[in-house]
C-alpha atoms as a PDB file:
ATOM      1  CA  MET A   1      28.440 -38.974  20.301  1.00  0.00           C
ATOM      2  CA  ILE A   2      28.120 -35.185  20.366  1.00  0.00           C
ATOM      3  CA  PRO A   3      25.651 -33.434  22.700  1.00  0.00           C
ATOM      4  CA  THR A   4      22.512 -32.209  20.937  1.00  0.00           C
ATOM      5  CA  GLY A   5      20.737 -30.546  23.858  1.00  0.00           C
ATOM      6  CA  VAL A   6      17.438 -31.963  22.603  1.00  0.00           C
ATOM      7  CA  SER A   7      15.487 -35.219  22.521  1.00  0.00           C
ATOM      8  CA  GLY A   8      12.141 -36.460  21.276  1.00  0.00           C
ATOM      9  CA  ALA A   9      10.195 -34.996  18.343  1.00  0.00           C
ATOM     10  CA  GLY A  10      10.501 -31.440  17.064  1.00  0.00           C
ATOM     11  CA  LEU A  11       9.181 -28.948  14.546  1.00  0.00           C
ATOM     12  CA  GLY A  12      10.867 -26.413  12.304  1.00  0.00           C
ATOM     13  CA  LEU A  13       9.930 -22.942  13.543  1.00  0.00           C
ATOM     14  CA  ARG A  14       8.511 -20.682  10.856  1.00  0.00           C
ATOM     15  CA  ARG A  15       7.513 -17.086  11.526  1.00  0.00           C
ATOM     16  CA  GLU A  16       3.906 -17.940  10.680  1.00  0.00           C
ATOM     17  CA  LEU A  17       3.861 -20.186  13.747  1.00  0.00           C
ATOM     18  CA  VAL A  18       5.478 -17.895  16.328  1.00  0.00           C
ATOM     19  CA  ALA A  19       2.305 -16.290  17.703  1.00  0.00           C
ATOM     20  CA  ASP A  20       0.543 -19.634  18.099  1.00  0.00           C
ATOM     21  CA  VAL A  21       3.538 -21.260  19.773  1.00  0.00           C
ATOM     22  CA  LEU A  22       3.915 -18.342  22.184  1.00  0.00           C
ATOM     23  CA  GLU A  23       0.270 -18.600  23.111  1.00  0.00           C
ATOM     24  CA  HIS A  24       0.294 -22.368  23.549  1.00  0.00           C
ATOM     25  CA  CYS A  25       2.986 -24.860  22.593  1.00  0.00           C
ATOM     26  CA  PRO A  26       1.502 -28.323  22.019  1.00  0.00           C
ATOM     27  CA  ALA A  27       2.875 -30.906  24.436  1.00  0.00           C
ATOM     28  CA  ALA A  28       3.946 -33.154  21.537  1.00  0.00           C
ATOM     29  CA  ILE A  29       6.630 -30.663  20.419  1.00  0.00           C
ATOM     30  CA  ASP A  30       9.818 -31.288  22.397  1.00  0.00           C
ATOM     31  CA  PHE A  31      12.055 -28.817  20.554  1.00  0.00           C
ATOM     32  CA  PHE A  32      12.265 -26.434  17.600  1.00  0.00           C
ATOM     33  CA  GLU A  33      14.774 -25.897  14.815  1.00  0.00           C
ATOM     34  CA  VAL A  34      15.752 -22.651  13.109  1.00  0.00           C
ATOM     35  CA  ALA A  35      18.112 -21.565  10.367  1.00  0.00           C
ATOM     36  CA  PRO A  36      20.496 -19.045  11.988  1.00  0.00           C
ATOM     37  CA  GLU A  37      20.538 -17.013   8.774  1.00  0.00           C
ATOM     38  CA  ASN A  38      16.850 -16.184   9.323  1.00  0.00           C
ATOM     39  CA  TRP A  39      17.054 -15.264  13.009  1.00  0.00           C
ATOM     40  CA  MET A  40      20.528 -13.908  13.843  1.00  0.00           C
ATOM     41  CA  GLU A  41      20.702 -10.394  15.208  1.00  0.00           C
ATOM     42  CA  MET A  42      16.967  -9.945  14.826  1.00  0.00           C
ATOM     43  CA  GLY A  43      15.776  -6.953  16.813  1.00  0.00           C
ATOM     44  CA  GLY A  44      12.513  -5.314  17.779  1.00  0.00           C
ATOM     45  CA  ALA A  45       9.349  -7.222  18.607  1.00  0.00           C
ATOM     46  CA  SER A  46      10.401 -10.236  16.534  1.00  0.00           C
ATOM     47  CA  GLY A  47      13.697 -10.462  18.391  1.00  0.00           C
ATOM     48  CA  ARG A  48      11.929 -10.300  21.751  1.00  0.00           C
ATOM     49  CA  GLN A  49       9.505 -13.015  20.677  1.00  0.00           C
ATOM     50  CA  PHE A  50      12.342 -15.258  19.587  1.00  0.00           C
ATOM     51  CA  ARG A  51      14.184 -14.707  22.862  1.00  0.00           C
ATOM     52  CA  ALA A  52      11.007 -15.631  24.746  1.00  0.00           C
ATOM     53  CA  LEU A  53      10.809 -18.880  22.807  1.00  0.00           C
ATOM     54  CA  THR A  54      14.451 -19.869  23.335  1.00  0.00           C
ATOM     55  CA  GLU A  55      14.087 -19.171  27.047  1.00  0.00           C
ATOM     56  CA  ARG A  56      11.126 -21.582  27.250  1.00  0.00           C
ATOM     57  CA  HIS A  57      12.048 -24.280  24.747  1.00  0.00           C
ATOM     58  CA  ARG A  58      15.031 -26.169  23.405  1.00  0.00           C
ATOM     59  CA  PHE A  59      16.386 -25.446  19.927  1.00  0.00           C
ATOM     60  CA  VAL A  60      18.635 -26.857  17.204  1.00  0.00           C
ATOM     61  CA  ALA A  61      20.283 -24.687  14.529  1.00  0.00           C
ATOM     62  CA  HIS A  62      20.338 -25.932  10.928  1.00  0.00           C
ATOM     63  CA  GLY A  63      22.358 -23.796   8.524  1.00  0.00           C
ATOM     64  CA  LEU A  64      21.530 -22.978   4.906  1.00  0.00           C
ATOM     65  CA  SER A  65      24.413 -21.044   3.389  1.00  0.00           C
ATOM     66  CA  LEU A  66      27.758 -22.180   4.809  1.00  0.00           C
ATOM     67  CA  SER A  67      28.674 -23.979   1.572  1.00  0.00           C
ATOM     68  CA  LEU A  68      30.801 -26.747   3.060  1.00  0.00           C
ATOM     69  CA  GLY A  69      31.752 -27.978  -0.399  1.00  0.00           C
ATOM     70  CA  GLY A  70      32.196 -24.576  -2.000  1.00  0.00           C
ATOM     71  CA  PRO A  71      35.317 -23.532  -3.903  1.00  0.00           C
ATOM     72  CA  GLY A  72      35.806 -20.196  -2.154  1.00  0.00           C
ATOM     73  CA  PRO A  73      37.083 -19.451   1.360  1.00  0.00           C
ATOM     74  CA  LEU A  74      34.809 -20.160   4.322  1.00  0.00           C
ATOM     75  CA  ASP A  75      32.964 -17.090   5.572  1.00  0.00           C
ATOM     76  CA  GLU A  76      34.630 -16.980   8.968  1.00  0.00           C
ATOM     77  CA  LEU A  77      33.000 -13.697   9.987  1.00  0.00           C
ATOM     78  CA  PHE A  78      29.627 -15.352   9.380  1.00  0.00           C
ATOM     79  CA  LEU A  79      30.696 -18.337  11.492  1.00  0.00           C
ATOM     80  CA  LYS A  80      31.653 -16.053  14.366  1.00  0.00           C
ATOM     81  CA  ARG A  81      28.179 -14.520  14.188  1.00  0.00           C
ATOM     82  CA  VAL A  82      26.703 -18.027  14.229  1.00  0.00           C
ATOM     83  CA  ARG A  83      28.707 -18.871  17.341  1.00  0.00           C
ATOM     84  CA  ARG A  84      27.424 -15.769  19.129  1.00  0.00           C
ATOM     85  CA  PHE A  85      23.866 -16.760  18.145  1.00  0.00           C
ATOM     86  CA  LEU A  86      24.279 -20.336  19.394  1.00  0.00           C
ATOM     87  CA  ASP A  87      25.843 -19.232  22.668  1.00  0.00           C
ATOM     88  CA  ALA A  88      23.299 -16.467  23.271  1.00  0.00           C
ATOM     89  CA  HIS A  89      20.370 -18.854  22.922  1.00  0.00           C
ATOM     90  CA  GLY A  90      21.894 -21.927  24.551  1.00  0.00           C
ATOM     91  CA  ILE A  91      21.839 -24.016  21.347  1.00  0.00           C
ATOM     92  CA  ALA A  92      24.165 -27.015  21.517  1.00  0.00           C
ATOM     93  CA  LEU A  93      23.759 -28.534  18.045  1.00  0.00           C
ATOM     94  CA  TYR A  94      24.535 -26.887  14.718  1.00  0.00           C
ATOM     95  CA  THR A  95      24.087 -28.838  11.495  1.00  0.00           C
ATOM     96  CA  GLU A  96      24.714 -28.033   7.840  1.00  0.00           C
ATOM     97  CA  HIS A  97      24.129 -29.622   4.446  1.00  0.00           C
ATOM     98  CA  LEU A  98      26.751 -31.774   2.791  1.00  0.00           C
ATOM     99  CA  SER A  99      26.583 -29.625  -0.331  1.00  0.00           C
ATOM    100  CA  TYR A 100      27.737 -26.288  -1.663  1.00  0.00           C
ATOM    101  CA  THR A 101      25.795 -23.073  -2.180  1.00  0.00           C
ATOM    102  CA  THR A 102      28.406 -20.649  -3.517  1.00  0.00           C
ATOM    103  CA  ASP A 103      30.444 -20.002  -6.658  1.00  0.00           C
ATOM    104  CA  GLU A 104      31.501 -16.348  -6.738  1.00  0.00           C
ATOM    105  CA  GLY A 105      28.253 -15.590  -4.951  1.00  0.00           C
ATOM    106  CA  GLN A 106      25.287 -17.386  -3.420  1.00  0.00           C
ATOM    107  CA  LEU A 107      23.543 -19.863  -5.734  1.00  0.00           C
ATOM    108  CA  TYR A 108      20.446 -20.090  -3.496  1.00  0.00           C
ATOM    109  CA  ASP A 109      20.321 -23.841  -3.933  1.00  0.00           C
ATOM    110  CA  LEU A 110      22.004 -26.908  -2.465  1.00  0.00           C
ATOM    111  CA  MET A 111      24.385 -28.202  -5.106  1.00  0.00           C
ATOM    112  CA  PRO A 112      25.818 -31.746  -4.949  1.00  0.00           C
ATOM    113  CA  ILE A 113      29.497 -32.205  -4.232  1.00  0.00           C
ATOM    114  CA  PRO A 114      31.364 -34.525  -6.644  1.00  0.00           C
ATOM    115  CA  ALA A 115      32.086 -37.775  -4.806  1.00  0.00           C
ATOM    116  CA  THR A 116      35.862 -37.777  -5.179  1.00  0.00           C
ATOM    117  CA  GLY A 117      38.799 -38.254  -2.854  1.00  0.00           C
ATOM    118  CA  ASP A 118      39.878 -34.645  -3.376  1.00  0.00           C
ATOM    119  CA  ALA A 119      36.379 -33.468  -2.436  1.00  0.00           C
ATOM    120  CA  VAL A 120      36.422 -35.587   0.735  1.00  0.00           C
ATOM    121  CA  ARG A 121      39.643 -33.935   1.854  1.00  0.00           C
ATOM    122  CA  HIS A 122      38.433 -30.442   0.856  1.00  0.00           C
ATOM    123  CA  VAL A 123      35.110 -30.742   2.681  1.00  0.00           C
ATOM    124  CA  ALA A 124      36.596 -32.420   5.748  1.00  0.00           C
ATOM    125  CA  ARG A 125      39.216 -29.684   6.082  1.00  0.00           C
ATOM    126  CA  ARG A 126      36.457 -27.054   5.973  1.00  0.00           C
ATOM    127  CA  ILE A 127      34.310 -28.918   8.511  1.00  0.00           C
ATOM    128  CA  ARG A 128      37.235 -29.138  10.929  1.00  0.00           C
ATOM    129  CA  ARG A 129      37.768 -25.379  10.580  1.00  0.00           C
ATOM    130  CA  VAL A 130      34.048 -24.768  11.183  1.00  0.00           C
ATOM    131  CA  GLN A 131      34.226 -26.856  14.342  1.00  0.00           C
ATOM    132  CA  ASP A 132      37.259 -24.919  15.555  1.00  0.00           C
ATOM    133  CA  ILE A 133      35.511 -21.572  15.079  1.00  0.00           C
ATOM    134  CA  LEU A 134      32.188 -22.692  16.584  1.00  0.00           C
ATOM    135  CA  GLY A 135      33.848 -24.431  19.518  1.00  0.00           C
ATOM    136  CA  ARG A 136      31.710 -27.536  19.033  1.00  0.00           C
ATOM    137  CA  ARG A 137      31.453 -30.549  16.757  1.00  0.00           C
ATOM    138  CA  ILE A 138      28.776 -30.278  14.101  1.00  0.00           C
ATOM    139  CA  ALA A 139      26.595 -32.710  12.161  1.00  0.00           C
ATOM    140  CA  VAL A 140      26.334 -32.743   8.370  1.00  0.00           C
ATOM    141  CA  GLU A 141      23.144 -33.661   6.530  1.00  0.00           C
ATOM    142  CA  ASN A 142      22.931 -36.008   3.562  1.00  0.00           C
ATOM    143  CA  ALA A 143      21.530 -33.847   0.766  1.00  0.00           C
ATOM    144  CA  SER A 144      18.994 -34.500  -1.960  1.00  0.00           C
ATOM    145  CA  PHE A 145      20.309 -34.013  -5.506  1.00  0.00           C
ATOM    146  CA  TYR A 146      19.032 -34.514  -9.021  1.00  0.00           C
ATOM    147  CA  VAL A 147      22.091 -34.958 -11.271  1.00  0.00           C
ATOM    148  CA  LYS A 148      25.103 -37.154 -10.578  1.00  0.00           C
ATOM    149  CA  SER A 149      28.554 -35.787 -11.252  1.00  0.00           C
ATOM    150  CA  PRO A 150      30.382 -37.440 -14.190  1.00  0.00           C
ATOM    151  CA  ILE A 151      33.610 -37.422 -12.163  1.00  0.00           C
ATOM    152  CA  ASP A 152      32.290 -39.386  -9.149  1.00  0.00           C
ATOM    153  CA  GLU A 153      34.823 -41.896  -7.827  1.00  0.00           C
ATOM    154  CA  MET A 154      32.626 -43.464  -5.155  1.00  0.00           C
ATOM    155  CA  THR A 155      29.013 -43.996  -4.205  1.00  0.00           C
ATOM    156  CA  GLU A 156      26.964 -41.435  -2.279  1.00  0.00           C
ATOM    157  CA  ALA A 157      27.070 -43.573   0.881  1.00  0.00           C
ATOM    158  CA  ALA A 158      30.823 -44.122   0.610  1.00  0.00           C
ATOM    159  CA  PHE A 159      31.364 -40.373   0.152  1.00  0.00           C
ATOM    160  CA  ILE A 160      29.313 -39.575   3.261  1.00  0.00           C
ATOM    161  CA  ARG A 161      31.201 -42.166   5.304  1.00  0.00           C
ATOM    162  CA  ALA A 162      34.561 -40.838   4.140  1.00  0.00           C
ATOM    163  CA  VAL A 163      33.704 -37.217   5.008  1.00  0.00           C
ATOM    164  CA  LEU A 164      32.416 -38.155   8.459  1.00  0.00           C
ATOM    165  CA  GLU A 165      35.568 -40.113   9.216  1.00  0.00           C
ATOM    166  CA  GLU A 166      38.026 -37.572   7.815  1.00  0.00           C
ATOM    167  CA  ALA A 167      36.324 -34.607   9.524  1.00  0.00           C
ATOM    168  CA  ASP A 168      35.420 -36.479  12.724  1.00  0.00           C
ATOM    169  CA  CYS A 169      31.942 -34.979  12.706  1.00  0.00           C
ATOM    170  CA  ALA A 170      28.439 -36.383  13.196  1.00  0.00           C
ATOM    171  CA  LEU A 171      25.707 -37.323  10.738  1.00  0.00           C
ATOM    172  CA  HIS A 172      22.422 -35.474  10.483  1.00  0.00           C
ATOM    173  CA  LEU A 173      20.298 -38.104   8.756  1.00  0.00           C
ATOM    174  CA  ASP A 174      17.476 -36.857   6.537  1.00  0.00           C
ATOM    175  CA  VAL A 175      15.290 -39.871   5.734  1.00  0.00           C
ATOM    176  CA  ASN A 176      13.194 -37.948   3.210  1.00  0.00           C
ATOM    177  CA  ASN A 177      16.353 -37.048   1.299  1.00  0.00           C
ATOM    178  CA  VAL A 178      17.316 -40.722   1.259  1.00  0.00           C
ATOM    179  CA  TYR A 179      13.894 -41.608  -0.118  1.00  0.00           C
ATOM    180  CA  VAL A 180      13.980 -38.807  -2.727  1.00  0.00           C
ATOM    181  CA  ASN A 181      17.430 -39.850  -3.952  1.00  0.00           C
ATOM    182  CA  SER A 182      16.452 -43.524  -3.973  1.00  0.00           C
ATOM    183  CA  VAL A 183      13.633 -42.787  -6.413  1.00  0.00           C
ATOM    184  CA  ASN A 184      15.549 -40.304  -8.545  1.00  0.00           C
ATOM    185  CA  HIS A 185      18.696 -42.431  -8.741  1.00  0.00           C
ATOM    186  CA  ARG A 186      17.042 -45.843  -8.523  1.00  0.00           C
ATOM    187  CA  TYR A 187      18.459 -47.522  -5.450  1.00  0.00           C
ATOM    188  CA  ASP A 188      17.087 -49.307  -2.393  1.00  0.00           C
ATOM    189  CA  PRO A 189      16.786 -46.748   0.445  1.00  0.00           C
ATOM    190  CA  ARG A 190      17.059 -49.391   3.156  1.00  0.00           C
ATOM    191  CA  GLU A 191      20.216 -50.790   1.648  1.00  0.00           C
ATOM    192  CA  PHE A 192      21.565 -47.232   1.552  1.00  0.00           C
ATOM    193  CA  LEU A 193      20.861 -46.776   5.272  1.00  0.00           C
ATOM    194  CA  LEU A 194      22.655 -50.013   6.047  1.00  0.00           C
ATOM    195  CA  GLN A 195      25.805 -48.515   4.512  1.00  0.00           C
ATOM    196  CA  LEU A 196      25.877 -45.506   6.871  1.00  0.00           C
ATOM    197  CA  PRO A 197      27.813 -45.592  10.182  1.00  0.00           C
ATOM    198  CA  ARG A 198      25.461 -46.194  13.078  1.00  0.00           C
ATOM    199  CA  GLU A 199      27.714 -44.481  15.617  1.00  0.00           C
ATOM    200  CA  ARG A 200      27.773 -41.152  13.740  1.00  0.00           C
ATOM    201  CA  VAL A 201      24.018 -40.439  13.671  1.00  0.00           C
ATOM    202  CA  VAL A 202      22.878 -37.828  16.206  1.00  0.00           C
ATOM    203  CA  TYR A 203      19.886 -36.090  14.605  1.00  0.00           C
ATOM    204  CA  VAL A 204      17.153 -36.910  12.087  1.00  0.00           C
ATOM    205  CA  HIS A 205      14.868 -35.040   9.669  1.00  0.00           C
ATOM    206  CA  THR A 206      11.703 -36.137   7.947  1.00  0.00           C
ATOM    207  CA  ALA A 207       9.582 -34.143   5.521  1.00  0.00           C
ATOM    208  CA  GLY A 208       7.215 -34.167   2.566  1.00  0.00           C
ATOM    209  CA  HIS A 209       8.078 -33.707  -1.096  1.00  0.00           C
ATOM    210  CA  TYR A 210       6.561 -33.149  -4.552  1.00  0.00           C
ATOM    211  CA  VAL A 211       6.173 -35.937  -7.098  1.00  0.00           C
ATOM    212  CA  GLU A 212       7.015 -34.467 -10.500  1.00  0.00           C
ATOM    213  CA  ALA A 213       6.910 -37.841 -12.269  1.00  0.00           C
ATOM    214  CA  ALA A 214       7.127 -41.525 -11.408  1.00  0.00           C
ATOM    215  CA  ASP A 215      10.922 -41.300 -11.519  1.00  0.00           C
ATOM    216  CA  LEU A 216      11.400 -37.705 -10.325  1.00  0.00           C
ATOM    217  CA  ILE A 217      10.723 -36.385  -6.822  1.00  0.00           C
ATOM    218  CA  VAL A 218      11.511 -32.823  -5.736  1.00  0.00           C
ATOM    219  CA  ASP A 219      12.477 -32.226  -2.104  1.00  0.00           C
ATOM    220  CA  THR A 220      10.161 -29.329  -1.275  1.00  0.00           C
ATOM    221  CA  HIS A 221       9.208 -29.670   2.412  1.00  0.00           C
ATOM    222  CA  GLY A 222       5.819 -28.422   1.255  1.00  0.00           C
ATOM    223  CA  ALA A 223       3.556 -31.428   1.817  1.00  0.00           C
ATOM    224  CA  ASP A 224       2.657 -34.091   4.368  1.00  0.00           C
ATOM    225  CA  VAL A 225       5.094 -36.948   4.969  1.00  0.00           C
ATOM    226  CA  ILE A 226       4.049 -39.966   2.888  1.00  0.00           C
ATOM    227  CA  ASP A 227       3.765 -43.544   4.130  1.00  0.00           C
ATOM    228  CA  PRO A 228       6.955 -44.858   2.457  1.00  0.00           C
ATOM    229  CA  VAL A 229       8.958 -42.144   4.245  1.00  0.00           C
ATOM    230  CA  TRP A 230       7.285 -42.976   7.563  1.00  0.00           C
ATOM    231  CA  ASP A 231       8.231 -46.618   6.940  1.00  0.00           C
ATOM    232  CA  LEU A 232      11.809 -45.561   6.206  1.00  0.00           C
ATOM    233  CA  LEU A 233      11.942 -43.561   9.453  1.00  0.00           C
ATOM    234  CA  ASP A 234      10.731 -46.665  11.286  1.00  0.00           C
ATOM    235  CA  PHE A 235      13.538 -48.661   9.642  1.00  0.00           C
ATOM    236  CA  ALA A 236      16.071 -45.935  10.524  1.00  0.00           C
ATOM    237  CA  TYR A 237      15.152 -46.152  14.212  1.00  0.00           C
ATOM    238  CA  ALA A 238      15.600 -49.923  14.070  1.00  0.00           C
ATOM    239  CA  ARG A 239      18.987 -49.457  12.402  1.00  0.00           C
ATOM    240  CA  PHE A 240      20.428 -46.434  14.263  1.00  0.00           C
ATOM    241  CA  GLY A 241      18.380 -46.214  17.443  1.00  0.00           C
ATOM    242  CA  VAL A 242      16.102 -43.353  18.421  1.00  0.00           C
ATOM    243  CA  HIS A 243      17.543 -39.872  17.922  1.00  0.00           C
ATOM    244  CA  PRO A 244      15.894 -36.431  18.136  1.00  0.00           C
ATOM    245  CA  THR A 245      13.805 -36.090  15.004  1.00  0.00           C
ATOM    246  CA  LEU A 246      12.379 -33.008  13.344  1.00  0.00           C
ATOM    247  CA  LEU A 247       9.426 -32.474  11.029  1.00  0.00           C
ATOM    248  CA  GLU A 248      10.377 -29.982   8.300  1.00  0.00           C
ATOM    249  CA  ARG A 249       7.653 -27.887   6.707  1.00  0.00           C
ATOM    250  CA  ASP A 250       8.837 -24.814   4.819  1.00  0.00           C
ATOM    251  CA  PHE A 251       5.802 -23.733   2.761  1.00  0.00           C
ATOM    252  CA  ASN A 252       2.136 -24.603   2.260  1.00  0.00           C
ATOM    253  CA  ILE A 253       2.200 -24.450   6.030  1.00  0.00           C
ATOM    254  CA  PRO A 254      -1.001 -25.817   7.612  1.00  0.00           C
ATOM    255  CA  PRO A 255      -2.348 -24.844  11.041  1.00  0.00           C
ATOM    256  CA  LEU A 256      -0.201 -25.783  14.024  1.00  0.00           C
ATOM    257  CA  GLY A 257      -2.653 -28.475  15.078  1.00  0.00           C
ATOM    258  CA  LYS A 258      -2.219 -30.365  11.803  1.00  0.00           C
ATOM    259  CA  LEU A 259       1.572 -30.152  12.016  1.00  0.00           C
ATOM    260  CA  THR A 260       1.391 -31.373  15.585  1.00  0.00           C
ATOM    261  CA  ARG A 261      -0.317 -34.574  14.465  1.00  0.00           C
ATOM    262  CA  GLU A 262       2.704 -35.386  12.292  1.00  0.00           C
ATOM    263  CA  VAL A 263       5.039 -34.567  15.195  1.00  0.00           C
ATOM    264  CA  GLU A 264       2.965 -36.951  17.337  1.00  0.00           C
ATOM    265  CA  ARG A 265       3.441 -39.649  14.722  1.00  0.00           C
ATOM    266  CA  ILE A 266       7.216 -39.224  15.046  1.00  0.00           C
ATOM    267  CA  ALA A 267       6.903 -39.530  18.828  1.00  0.00           C
ATOM    268  CA  ASN A 268       4.795 -42.678  18.507  1.00  0.00           C
ATOM    269  CA  LEU A 269       7.468 -44.310  16.337  1.00  0.00           C
ATOM    270  CA  GLN A 270      10.130 -43.298  18.843  1.00  0.00           C
ATOM    271  CA  ARG A 271       8.189 -44.867  21.721  1.00  0.00           C
ATOM    272  CA  ARG A 272       7.800 -48.073  19.740  1.00  0.00           C
ATOM    273  CA  HIS A 273      11.573 -48.366  19.451  1.00  0.00           C
ATOM    274  CA  ALA A 274      12.497 -46.948  22.872  1.00  0.00           C
ATOM    275  CA  PRO A 275       9.429 -47.284  25.110  1.00  0.00           C
ATOM    276  CA  ALA A 276      11.326 -46.166  28.206  1.00  0.00           C
ATOM    277  CA  ALA A 277      12.532 -42.933  26.600  1.00  0.00           C
ATOM    278  CA  ARG A 278      11.127 -39.832  28.260  1.00  0.00           C
ATOM    279  CA  PRO A 279      12.203 -36.615  26.540  1.00  0.00           C
ATOM    280  CA  VAL A 280      12.829 -33.354  28.389  1.00  0.00           C
ATOM    281  CA  ARG A 281      10.739 -30.919  26.382  1.00  0.00           C
ATOM    282  CA  ASP A 282      11.550 -27.469  27.743  1.00  0.00           C
ATOM    283  CA  ARG A 283      14.117 -25.575  29.755  1.00  0.00           C
ATOM    284  CA  ALA A 284      11.921 -25.156  32.808  1.00  0.00           C
ATOM    285  CA  ALA A 285      11.764 -28.926  33.257  1.00  0.00           C
ATOM    286  CA  SER A 286      15.538 -29.425  33.257  1.00  0.00           C
END
């Protein structure tokens, strides 16, 4: 188990929310998550506001552009900047997507990695190098995808298991991504969760999505979490235990109070599965 530095229920920090959170952070929010790419080396008033938040609250970093499965060399200068960011703000956990985002330049999307033995070894080698540079073990997130590779040699779950084992890293479990893929690729999401290694899970995401058609869901993070995803989160806690869990909301962002109600729903599920759990919600309390 790797240290996360957080517990309880959290919220993705968007710039639209900063002023409200600085004025009054709802008690239900135990931690925040940011993408380092959006906050590193930020100066001026915005930088001071962010520093004020990381001094008061606990944070997780969730990367967007590392391209763990990409064909080109890792951006090691970028990783060194990430390490400085994590250390400067006391952030223990860094996670990234099990996908690739580059091919002679940024693709600005999360592309699926072919589920092959060669890909397992390629990705695991890159993850180990990332962990060496960052000076900490990381967690990788199961990604949503819309087209299967014709050269797949194993199932999605088997590929995830193989990467985790080969890289000796942790799993960042996104239950909405599991649900999205289960609809798009027609499998049982609970059966999928049963195939993942319990001991590797350290962090969880949930989010909303967009229903394009009965058999096509797009992972947008732009809507409320739906009941089947809440039910899947409940099942995940029963399967893996309670882990720090974040509500993602990246656009169509409602007022903080409405987001807080969804964060409270996460916390209620966590208490149901671990009634004695008492999260530490900010730095001043530790």
